[in-house]
Amino acid sequence: MTQQPKTYNINTMDKRKELTDLIANHQPQADAGHTGSKQIVMNAQMQLDEIESNAKAQMVLISLFAC
């Protein structure tokens, strides 16, 4: 089974908001040492980083093909 390519549109903006809200909600508990909240914050941040990285890569490709 092949994996479908990821598309970045309004759904990505919703996901970014969802992840930043998740981080904001769990950060105080993570700072207090709660292991579960630390893991949630780390996973959410990794997902945000991946979204940003993929968005930047798409912009590079778009700029290359625009020439």
N, C-alpha and C. Protein backbone atom coordinates (compact mmCIF):
# COMPACT_ATOMS: atom_id res chain seq x y z
N MET A 1 0.85 -1.18 0.00
CA MET A 1 0.00 0.00 0.00
C MET A 1 0.89 1.24 0.00
N THR A 2 0.62 2.16 -0.92
CA THR A 2 1.43 3.36 -0.99
C THR A 2 0.81 4.45 -0.14
N GLN A 3 1.66 5.27 0.39
CA GLN A 3 1.21 6.36 1.24
C GLN A 3 0.84 7.56 0.38
N GLN A 4 -0.30 8.17 0.68
CA GLN A 4 -0.75 9.34 -0.07
C GLN A 4 0.12 10.53 0.30
N PRO A 5 0.43 11.39 -0.67
CA PRO A 5 1.23 12.59 -0.34
C PRO A 5 0.43 13.51 0.57
N LYS A 6 1.14 14.19 1.44
CA LYS A 6 0.51 15.12 2.35
C LYS A 6 0.21 16.42 1.61
N THR A 7 -0.94 16.99 1.87
CA THR A 7 -1.27 18.29 1.30
C THR A 7 -1.41 19.28 2.43
N TYR A 8 -0.99 20.50 2.18
CA TYR A 8 -1.00 21.54 3.20
C TYR A 8 -1.93 22.65 2.75
N ASN A 9 -3.03 22.76 3.45
CA ASN A 9 -4.03 23.77 3.14
C ASN A 9 -4.63 24.24 4.45
N ILE A 10 -5.90 24.55 4.42
CA ILE A 10 -6.56 25.05 5.63
C ILE A 10 -6.54 24.00 6.74
N ASN A 11 -6.56 22.72 6.38
CA ASN A 11 -6.51 21.67 7.40
C ASN A 11 -5.19 21.71 8.17
N THR A 12 -4.12 22.10 7.49
CA THR A 12 -2.84 22.23 8.15
C THR A 12 -2.87 23.37 9.16
N MET A 13 -3.55 24.45 8.79
CA MET A 13 -3.67 25.56 9.73
C MET A 13 -4.45 25.13 10.97
N ASP A 14 -5.50 24.34 10.77
CA ASP A 14 -6.26 23.82 11.90
C ASP A 14 -5.39 22.92 12.78
N LYS A 15 -4.58 22.11 12.15
CA LYS A 15 -3.70 21.19 12.90
C LYS A 15 -2.67 21.99 13.68
N ARG A 16 -2.12 23.03 13.07
CA ARG A 16 -1.16 23.88 13.79
C ARG A 16 -1.80 24.49 15.02
N LYS A 17 -3.02 25.00 14.86
CA LYS A 17 -3.73 25.60 15.99
C LYS A 17 -4.01 24.56 17.07
N GLU A 18 -4.44 23.38 16.64
CA GLU A 18 -4.72 22.30 17.59
C GLU A 18 -3.46 21.94 18.38
N LEU A 19 -2.34 21.84 17.70
CA LEU A 19 -1.09 21.47 18.37
C LEU A 19 -0.60 22.58 19.30
N THR A 20 -0.69 23.83 18.87
CA THR A 20 -0.25 24.92 19.75
C THR A 20 -1.15 25.03 20.97
N ASP A 21 -2.46 24.79 20.79
CA ASP A 21 -3.37 24.78 21.94
C ASP A 21 -3.04 23.63 22.89
N LEU A 22 -2.74 22.48 22.33
CA LEU A 22 -2.38 21.32 23.14
C LEU A 22 -1.13 21.61 23.97
N ILE A 23 -0.14 22.22 23.33
CA ILE A 23 1.09 22.58 24.04
C ILE A 23 0.79 23.57 25.15
N ALA A 24 0.02 24.60 24.83
CA ALA A 24 -0.31 25.62 25.83
C ALA A 24 -1.06 25.02 27.02
N ASN A 25 -1.94 24.08 26.75
CA ASN A 25 -2.73 23.47 27.83
C ASN A 25 -1.90 22.54 28.71
N HIS A 26 -0.91 21.88 28.15
CA HIS A 26 -0.14 20.90 28.90
C HIS A 26 1.20 21.42 29.42
N GLN A 27 1.63 22.57 28.92
CA GLN A 27 2.94 23.09 29.32
C GLN A 27 3.07 23.32 30.83
N PRO A 28 2.06 23.90 31.50
CA PRO A 28 2.22 24.10 32.96
C PRO A 28 2.45 22.80 33.73
N GLN A 29 1.70 21.75 33.36
CA GLN A 29 1.89 20.46 34.03
C GLN A 29 3.25 19.85 33.67
N ALA A 30 3.67 20.03 32.43
CA ALA A 30 4.97 19.52 32.01
C ALA A 30 6.08 20.23 32.78
N ASP A 31 5.94 21.55 32.93
CA ASP A 31 6.93 22.32 33.69
C ASP A 31 6.97 21.90 35.16
N ALA A 32 5.82 21.42 35.65
CA ALA A 32 5.76 20.96 37.04
C ALA A 32 6.30 19.54 37.21
N GLY A 33 6.64 18.90 36.09
CA GLY A 33 7.28 17.59 36.16
C GLY A 33 6.38 16.43 35.81
N HIS A 34 5.15 16.66 35.37
CA HIS A 34 4.24 15.57 35.01
C HIS A 34 4.73 14.90 33.73
N THR A 35 5.08 13.63 33.85
CA THR A 35 5.69 12.91 32.74
C THR A 35 4.76 12.80 31.53
N GLY A 36 3.49 12.52 31.76
CA GLY A 36 2.55 12.39 30.65
C GLY A 36 2.42 13.69 29.87
N SER A 37 2.35 14.79 30.60
CA SER A 37 2.25 16.10 29.94
C SER A 37 3.53 16.44 29.19
N LYS A 38 4.67 16.06 29.74
CA LYS A 38 5.95 16.29 29.04
C LYS A 38 5.94 15.58 27.70
N GLN A 39 5.46 14.33 27.70
CA GLN A 39 5.43 13.55 26.47
C GLN A 39 4.47 14.16 25.46
N ILE A 40 3.31 14.63 25.91
CA ILE A 40 2.34 15.26 25.03
C ILE A 40 2.94 16.50 24.39
N VAL A 41 3.61 17.32 25.19
CA VAL A 41 4.22 18.55 24.69
C VAL A 41 5.31 18.23 23.68
N MET A 42 6.15 17.25 24.00
CA MET A 42 7.23 16.89 23.06
C MET A 42 6.68 16.37 21.75
N ASN A 43 5.69 15.49 21.82
CA ASN A 43 5.11 14.94 20.58
C ASN A 43 4.44 16.03 19.75
N ALA A 44 3.71 16.91 20.40
CA ALA A 44 3.05 17.99 19.68
C ALA A 44 4.07 18.91 19.02
N GLN A 45 5.16 19.21 19.72
CA GLN A 45 6.20 20.07 19.15
C GLN A 45 6.88 19.40 17.97
N MET A 46 7.10 18.09 18.06
CA MET A 46 7.71 17.37 16.94
C MET A 46 6.78 17.41 15.72
N GLN A 47 5.48 17.28 15.94
CA GLN A 47 4.54 17.35 14.82
C GLN A 47 4.53 18.75 14.21
N LEU A 48 4.57 19.78 15.05
CA LEU A 48 4.63 21.15 14.54
C LEU A 48 5.90 21.36 13.72
N ASP A 49 7.02 20.86 14.23
CA ASP A 49 8.29 21.00 13.50
C ASP A 49 8.22 20.31 12.15
N GLU A 50 7.58 19.15 12.09
CA GLU A 50 7.45 18.42 10.82
C GLU A 50 6.58 19.20 9.84
N ILE A 51 5.48 19.76 10.32
CA ILE A 51 4.60 20.57 9.46
C ILE A 51 5.38 21.75 8.90
N GLU A 52 6.13 22.44 9.75
CA GLU A 52 6.91 23.60 9.30
C GLU A 52 7.98 23.19 8.28
N SER A 53 8.66 22.10 8.56
CA SER A 53 9.70 21.62 7.65
C SER A 53 9.12 21.27 6.28
N ASN A 54 8.00 20.59 6.28
CA ASN A 54 7.36 20.21 5.01
C ASN A 54 6.85 21.44 4.26
N ALA A 55 6.32 22.41 4.99
CA ALA A 55 5.84 23.63 4.34
C ALA A 55 7.00 24.38 3.69
N LYS A 56 8.14 24.45 4.37
CA LYS A 56 9.31 25.12 3.80
C LYS A 56 9.81 24.38 2.57
N ALA A 57 9.82 23.06 2.62
CA ALA A 57 10.26 22.27 1.47
C ALA A 57 9.33 22.49 0.28
N GLN A 58 8.03 22.58 0.54
CA GLN A 58 7.09 22.85 -0.54
C GLN A 58 7.33 24.22 -1.17
N MET A 59 7.63 25.21 -0.34
CA MET A 59 7.89 26.55 -0.86
C MET A 59 9.14 26.55 -1.75
N VAL A 60 10.15 25.81 -1.36
CA VAL A 60 11.36 25.70 -2.18
C VAL A 60 11.01 25.08 -3.53
N LEU A 61 10.25 24.00 -3.51
CA LEU A 61 9.88 23.36 -4.76
C LEU A 61 9.04 24.29 -5.65
N ILE A 62 8.13 25.00 -5.04
CA ILE A 62 7.29 25.92 -5.80
C ILE A 62 8.15 27.00 -6.44
N SER A 63 9.12 27.51 -5.69
CA SER A 63 9.98 28.56 -6.24
C SER A 63 10.87 28.03 -7.36
N LEU A 64 11.28 26.77 -7.26
CA LEU A 64 12.09 26.19 -8.32
C LEU A 64 11.30 26.02 -9.61
N PHE A 65 10.05 25.61 -9.49
CA PHE A 65 9.23 25.36 -10.67
C PHE A 65 8.62 26.65 -11.21
N ALA A 66 8.65 27.72 -10.45
CA ALA A 66 8.08 28.99 -10.90
C ALA A 66 8.99 29.69 -11.90
N CYS A 67 10.24 29.30 -11.95
CA CYS A 67 11.22 29.94 -12.84
C CYS A 67 11.04 29.53 -14.27
